Amino acid sequence: MNKLLKLEELAQFLLSIILFNQLHFSWWVFPACLLLPDFSMLGYLMNPKIGAWCYNIFHHKLLGIIFYSFGIFIQNESIMLIGMILFGHAAMDRIFGYGLKYNDDFKHTHLGDIGKQ
C-alpha cells in the first residue's frame, strides 16, 4: 500500500509540473520556488506547536488548490503559480515520507515517524 500511495503522490507532483508548463513563466521558476514552502519550518524556532501549525498550513494540499483556483478565477498566473508550488511541494514531501506534523515533535507525522522504515 505504501508504494501505491507514493505513486499517487508522484502523479500529483507530475500534475503540478504539467500545470506549471501551461503558464508563461521561465522553466527555472518552478525548481527555484519548489522549496519555498519549507520556510514555514521557521515556526519551530518558537516551539513545536507553532512549528507544526505553520508547517501544516503551508503543506496542506487544499491551500494549494485554493490558491490555484483563485488564480484561475481572477486570471492571475502569479497566484496560480503559488498554488501549484504549494501543491507540488506537498506531494513531493509525501513521496519522501514527510507528512503533516503532530504538535509534539517534527519527526512525528501523519505518515509515521520520519526515519523509521
C-alpha atoms as a PDB file:
ATOM      1  CA  MET A   1       0.000   0.000   0.000  1.00  0.00           C
ATOM      2  CA  ASN A   2       2.879   2.373   0.787  1.00  0.00           C
ATOM      3  CA  LYS A   3       4.191   2.119  -2.787  1.00  0.00           C
ATOM      4  CA  LEU A   4       0.718   2.803  -4.168  1.00  0.00           C
ATOM      5  CA  LEU A   5       0.412   5.947  -2.046  1.00  0.00           C
ATOM      6  CA  LYS A   6       3.832   7.141  -3.191  1.00  0.00           C
ATOM      7  CA  LEU A   7       2.792   6.562  -6.810  1.00  0.00           C
ATOM      8  CA  GLU A   8      -0.301   8.661  -6.202  1.00  0.00           C
ATOM      9  CA  GLU A   9       1.847  11.452  -4.761  1.00  0.00           C
ATOM     10  CA  LEU A  10       4.201  11.185  -7.738  1.00  0.00           C
ATOM     11  CA  ALA A  11       1.228  11.596 -10.088  1.00  0.00           C
ATOM     12  CA  GLN A  12       0.168  14.712  -8.175  1.00  0.00           C
ATOM     13  CA  PHE A  13       3.690  16.111  -8.341  1.00  0.00           C
ATOM     14  CA  LEU A  14       3.771  15.490 -12.104  1.00  0.00           C
ATOM     15  CA  LEU A  15       0.389  17.230 -12.368  1.00  0.00           C
ATOM     16  CA  SER A  16       1.908  20.331 -10.757  1.00  0.00           C
ATOM     17  CA  ILE A  17       4.685  20.287 -13.382  1.00  0.00           C
ATOM     18  CA  ILE A  18       2.130  19.927 -16.184  1.00  0.00           C
ATOM     19  CA  LEU A  19       0.073  22.817 -14.803  1.00  0.00           C
ATOM     20  CA  PHE A  20       3.215  24.928 -14.445  1.00  0.00           C
ATOM     21  CA  ASN A  21       4.006  24.242 -18.085  1.00  0.00           C
ATOM     22  CA  GLN A  22       0.706  25.884 -19.052  1.00  0.00           C
ATOM     23  CA  LEU A  23       1.803  29.201 -17.540  1.00  0.00           C
ATOM     24  CA  HIS A  24       4.074  31.821 -19.053  1.00  0.00           C
ATOM     25  CA  PHE A  25       6.994  31.563 -16.631  1.00  0.00           C
ATOM     26  CA  SER A  26      10.561  30.532 -17.435  1.00  0.00           C
ATOM     27  CA  TRP A  27      11.314  26.862 -16.737  1.00  0.00           C
ATOM     28  CA  TRP A  28      13.720  27.698 -13.881  1.00  0.00           C
ATOM     29  CA  VAL A  29      10.980  29.353 -11.795  1.00  0.00           C
ATOM     30  CA  PHE A  30       9.443  26.007 -10.799  1.00  0.00           C
ATOM     31  CA  PRO A  31      12.581  24.430  -9.285  1.00  0.00           C
ATOM     32  CA  ALA A  32      13.642  27.786  -7.816  1.00  0.00           C
ATOM     33  CA  CYS A  33      10.354  28.124  -5.924  1.00  0.00           C
ATOM     34  CA  LEU A  34       9.754  24.477  -5.096  1.00  0.00           C
ATOM     35  CA  LEU A  35      11.415  24.560  -1.668  1.00  0.00           C
ATOM     36  CA  LEU A  36       9.968  27.911  -0.560  1.00  0.00           C
ATOM     37  CA  PRO A  37       7.140  26.302   1.479  1.00  0.00           C
ATOM     38  CA  ASP A  38       9.824  24.848   3.756  1.00  0.00           C
ATOM     39  CA  PHE A  39      10.379  28.324   5.205  1.00  0.00           C
ATOM     40  CA  SER A  40       7.262  27.512   7.223  1.00  0.00           C
ATOM     41  CA  MET A  41       9.542  25.347   9.391  1.00  0.00           C
ATOM     42  CA  LEU A  42      10.836  28.565  10.954  1.00  0.00           C
ATOM     43  CA  GLY A  43       7.854  28.296  13.302  1.00  0.00           C
ATOM     44  CA  TYR A  44       9.756  25.530  15.072  1.00  0.00           C
ATOM     45  CA  LEU A  45      12.148  28.205  16.350  1.00  0.00           C
ATOM     46  CA  MET A  46       9.330  29.330  18.665  1.00  0.00           C
ATOM     47  CA  ASN A  47       8.086  25.914  19.794  1.00  0.00           C
ATOM     48  CA  PRO A  48       6.882  22.588  18.346  1.00  0.00           C
ATOM     49  CA  LYS A  49       3.193  23.542  18.493  1.00  0.00           C
ATOM     50  CA  ILE A  50       3.620  26.751  16.480  1.00  0.00           C
ATOM     51  CA  GLY A  51       6.081  24.986  14.194  1.00  0.00           C
ATOM     52  CA  ALA A  52       3.632  22.187  13.438  1.00  0.00           C
ATOM     53  CA  TRP A  53       0.814  24.672  12.836  1.00  0.00           C
ATOM     54  CA  CYS A  54       2.900  26.776  10.406  1.00  0.00           C
ATOM     55  CA  TYR A  55       4.279  23.719   8.639  1.00  0.00           C
ATOM     56  CA  ASN A  56       0.860  22.087   8.269  1.00  0.00           C
ATOM     57  CA  ILE A  57      -0.776  25.203   6.829  1.00  0.00           C
ATOM     58  CA  PHE A  58       1.807  25.522   4.061  1.00  0.00           C
ATOM     59  CA  HIS A  59       1.985  21.774   3.400  1.00  0.00           C
ATOM     60  CA  HIS A  60      -1.746  21.123   3.160  1.00  0.00           C
ATOM     61  CA  LYS A  61      -2.706  20.475  -0.451  1.00  0.00           C
ATOM     62  CA  LEU A  62      -6.055  22.215  -0.069  1.00  0.00           C
ATOM     63  CA  LEU A  63      -4.266  25.560   0.346  1.00  0.00           C
ATOM     64  CA  GLY A  64      -2.512  24.986  -2.984  1.00  0.00           C
ATOM     65  CA  ILE A  65      -5.798  24.059  -4.651  1.00  0.00           C
ATOM     66  CA  ILE A  66      -7.474  27.180  -3.239  1.00  0.00           C
ATOM     67  CA  PHE A  67      -4.677  29.460  -4.473  1.00  0.00           C
ATOM     68  CA  TYR A  68      -4.595  27.844  -7.906  1.00  0.00           C
ATOM     69  CA  SER A  69      -8.391  28.008  -8.261  1.00  0.00           C
ATOM     70  CA  PHE A  70      -8.485  31.626  -7.116  1.00  0.00           C
ATOM     71  CA  GLY A  71      -5.741  32.441  -9.624  1.00  0.00           C
ATOM     72  CA  ILE A  72      -7.863  30.936 -12.383  1.00  0.00           C
ATOM     73  CA  PHE A  73     -10.899  32.889 -11.176  1.00  0.00           C
ATOM     74  CA  ILE A  74      -9.105  36.257 -11.195  1.00  0.00           C
ATOM     75  CA  GLN A  75      -6.907  35.291 -14.168  1.00  0.00           C
ATOM     76  CA  ASN A  76      -3.647  35.866 -12.300  1.00  0.00           C
ATOM     77  CA  GLU A  77      -0.825  33.486 -13.196  1.00  0.00           C
ATOM     78  CA  SER A  78       1.274  34.501 -10.183  1.00  0.00           C
ATOM     79  CA  ILE A  79      -1.467  33.317  -7.816  1.00  0.00           C
ATOM     80  CA  MET A  80      -1.811  30.137  -9.880  1.00  0.00           C
ATOM     81  CA  LEU A  81       1.953  29.623  -9.542  1.00  0.00           C
ATOM     82  CA  ILE A  82       1.750  29.927  -5.753  1.00  0.00           C
ATOM     83  CA  GLY A  83      -0.989  27.306  -5.715  1.00  0.00           C
ATOM     84  CA  MET A  84       0.856  24.808  -7.849  1.00  0.00           C
ATOM     85  CA  ILE A  85       4.107  25.285  -5.912  1.00  0.00           C
ATOM     86  CA  LEU A  86       2.290  24.603  -2.632  1.00  0.00           C
ATOM     87  CA  PHE A  87       0.505  21.585  -4.110  1.00  0.00           C
ATOM     88  CA  GLY A  88       3.581  20.192  -5.853  1.00  0.00           C
ATOM     89  CA  HIS A  89       5.812  20.702  -2.827  1.00  0.00           C
ATOM     90  CA  ALA A  90       3.356  18.902  -0.541  1.00  0.00           C
ATOM     91  CA  ALA A  91       3.187  15.978  -2.972  1.00  0.00           C
ATOM     92  CA  MET A  92       6.988  15.863  -3.217  1.00  0.00           C
ATOM     93  CA  ASP A  93       7.322  15.830   0.573  1.00  0.00           C
ATOM     94  CA  ARG A  94       4.845  12.950   0.845  1.00  0.00           C
ATOM     95  CA  ILE A  95       6.864  10.957  -1.707  1.00  0.00           C
ATOM     96  CA  PHE A  96       9.859  11.215   0.642  1.00  0.00           C
ATOM     97  CA  GLY A  97       7.790  10.360   3.725  1.00  0.00           C
ATOM     98  CA  TYR A  98       7.343  13.837   5.174  1.00  0.00           C
ATOM     99  CA  GLY A  99       3.736  14.175   6.242  1.00  0.00           C
ATOM    100  CA  LEU A 100       1.736  16.710   8.193  1.00  0.00           C
ATOM    101  CA  LYS A 101       3.192  17.220  11.659  1.00  0.00           C
ATOM    102  CA  TYR A 102       1.851  16.496  15.115  1.00  0.00           C
ATOM    103  CA  ASN A 103       2.426  19.091  17.851  1.00  0.00           C
ATOM    104  CA  ASP A 104       4.893  17.029  19.863  1.00  0.00           C
ATOM    105  CA  ASP A 105       7.839  16.508  17.501  1.00  0.00           C
ATOM    106  CA  PHE A 106       8.897  17.425  13.959  1.00  0.00           C
ATOM    107  CA  LYS A 107       9.598  13.770  13.202  1.00  0.00           C
ATOM    108  CA  HIS A 108       6.078  12.655  14.243  1.00  0.00           C
ATOM    109  CA  THR A 109       3.880  12.861  11.117  1.00  0.00           C
ATOM    110  CA  HIS A 110       0.570  11.524   9.891  1.00  0.00           C
ATOM    111  CA  LEU A 111       2.596   9.095   7.741  1.00  0.00           C
ATOM    112  CA  GLY A 112       4.515   7.772  10.749  1.00  0.00           C
ATOM    113  CA  ASP A 113       7.810   8.772  12.304  1.00  0.00           C
ATOM    114  CA  ILE A 114      10.393  10.173   9.894  1.00  0.00           C
ATOM    115  CA  GLY A 115      13.391   7.906   9.544  1.00  0.00           C
ATOM    116  CA  LYS A 116      11.678   4.733  10.750  1.00  0.00           C
ATOM    117  CA  GLN A 117      11.043   2.314   7.917  1.00  0.00           C
END
